[in-house]
Amino acid sequence: MKAAKNQNILIYTALPKAKRFKVYIPFLMKAERECFKKLDSSFYHPQQNLWSLINTVENLKKLKVSLAVKCLK
């Protein structure tokens, strides 16, 4: 049997002057990934397998809220 892979969303802490913060969303979490795509300024970095948003407090709050409710609006 294969070991269970990490199925958690990781939000990487950005440096204070960084313009974007990065987020790892596992491939199997399609609903969360689709929700993330709906946020303004979302961008996928295929070489790193990471998503990013512009580094603002508002974007971080929106991300946490949208992942908490999983787009059940």
Protein backbone atom coordinates (compact mmCIF):
# COMPACT_ATOMS: atom_id res chain seq x y z
CA MET A 1 0.00 0.00 0.00
CA LYS A 2 1.10 3.53 -0.67
CA ALA A 3 1.51 5.99 2.17
CA ALA A 4 -1.09 8.73 2.46
CA LYS A 5 0.08 11.93 0.86
CA ASN A 6 -0.21 15.35 2.44
CA GLN A 7 -3.78 16.53 1.87
CA ASN A 8 -3.51 19.89 3.60
CA ILE A 9 -3.48 23.33 2.05
CA LEU A 10 -0.28 25.17 2.92
CA ILE A 11 -0.04 28.96 2.97
CA TYR A 12 3.59 30.03 2.80
CA THR A 13 4.55 33.07 4.84
CA ALA A 14 5.79 35.81 2.52
CA LEU A 15 8.69 38.06 3.28
CA PRO A 16 7.62 41.57 4.38
CA LYS A 17 8.51 43.15 1.03
CA ALA A 18 7.31 40.26 -1.14
CA LYS A 19 4.64 41.19 -3.67
CA ARG A 20 2.88 37.80 -3.58
CA PHE A 21 2.34 34.98 -1.11
CA LYS A 22 2.19 31.38 -2.29
CA VAL A 23 -0.23 28.59 -1.53
CA TYR A 24 0.08 24.85 -2.07
CA ILE A 25 -3.22 23.12 -2.89
CA PRO A 26 -3.02 19.32 -3.32
CA PHE A 27 -4.16 17.99 -6.69
CA LEU A 28 -6.99 15.95 -5.18
CA MET A 29 -8.60 19.04 -3.59
CA LYS A 30 -10.33 20.17 -6.76
CA ALA A 31 -13.19 22.08 -5.09
CA GLU A 32 -10.76 24.18 -3.06
CA ARG A 33 -8.60 24.80 -6.14
CA GLU A 34 -11.62 25.98 -8.15
CA CYS A 35 -12.56 28.28 -5.29
CA PHE A 36 -9.03 29.70 -5.21
CA LYS A 37 -9.14 30.38 -8.96
CA LYS A 38 -12.13 32.69 -8.41
CA LEU A 39 -10.12 35.06 -6.19
CA ASP A 40 -8.74 38.20 -7.81
CA SER A 41 -5.03 38.09 -8.70
CA SER A 42 -4.76 34.28 -8.39
CA PHE A 43 -1.94 32.88 -10.49
CA TYR A 44 -0.56 29.36 -10.95
CA HIS A 45 3.19 28.71 -11.03
CA PRO A 46 3.47 25.37 -12.89
CA GLN A 47 7.20 24.90 -12.30
CA GLN A 48 6.63 25.11 -8.52
CA ASN A 49 3.12 23.58 -8.40
CA LEU A 50 2.05 26.57 -6.30
CA TRP A 51 -0.66 29.21 -6.53
CA SER A 52 -0.12 32.81 -5.50
CA LEU A 53 -2.04 35.96 -4.61
CA ILE A 54 -0.95 39.56 -4.21
CA ASN A 55 0.43 39.96 -0.69
CA THR A 56 -2.23 42.02 1.09
CA VAL A 57 -4.05 41.48 4.37
CA GLU A 58 -7.38 41.57 2.51
CA ASN A 59 -6.35 38.76 0.15
CA LEU A 60 -5.16 36.61 3.03
CA LYS A 61 -8.49 37.12 4.83
CA LYS A 62 -10.46 36.34 1.65
CA LEU A 63 -8.43 33.18 1.15
CA LYS A 64 -8.98 31.95 4.69
CA VAL A 65 -12.72 32.70 4.56
CA SER A 66 -13.22 31.09 1.15
CA LEU A 67 -11.35 27.94 2.18
CA ALA A 68 -13.26 27.78 5.46
CA VAL A 69 -16.65 27.76 3.77
CA LYS A 70 -15.39 25.94 0.63
CA CYS A 71 -17.32 28.28 -1.66
CA LEU A 72 -20.71 27.32 -0.28
CA LYS A 73 -22.27 30.66 -1.09
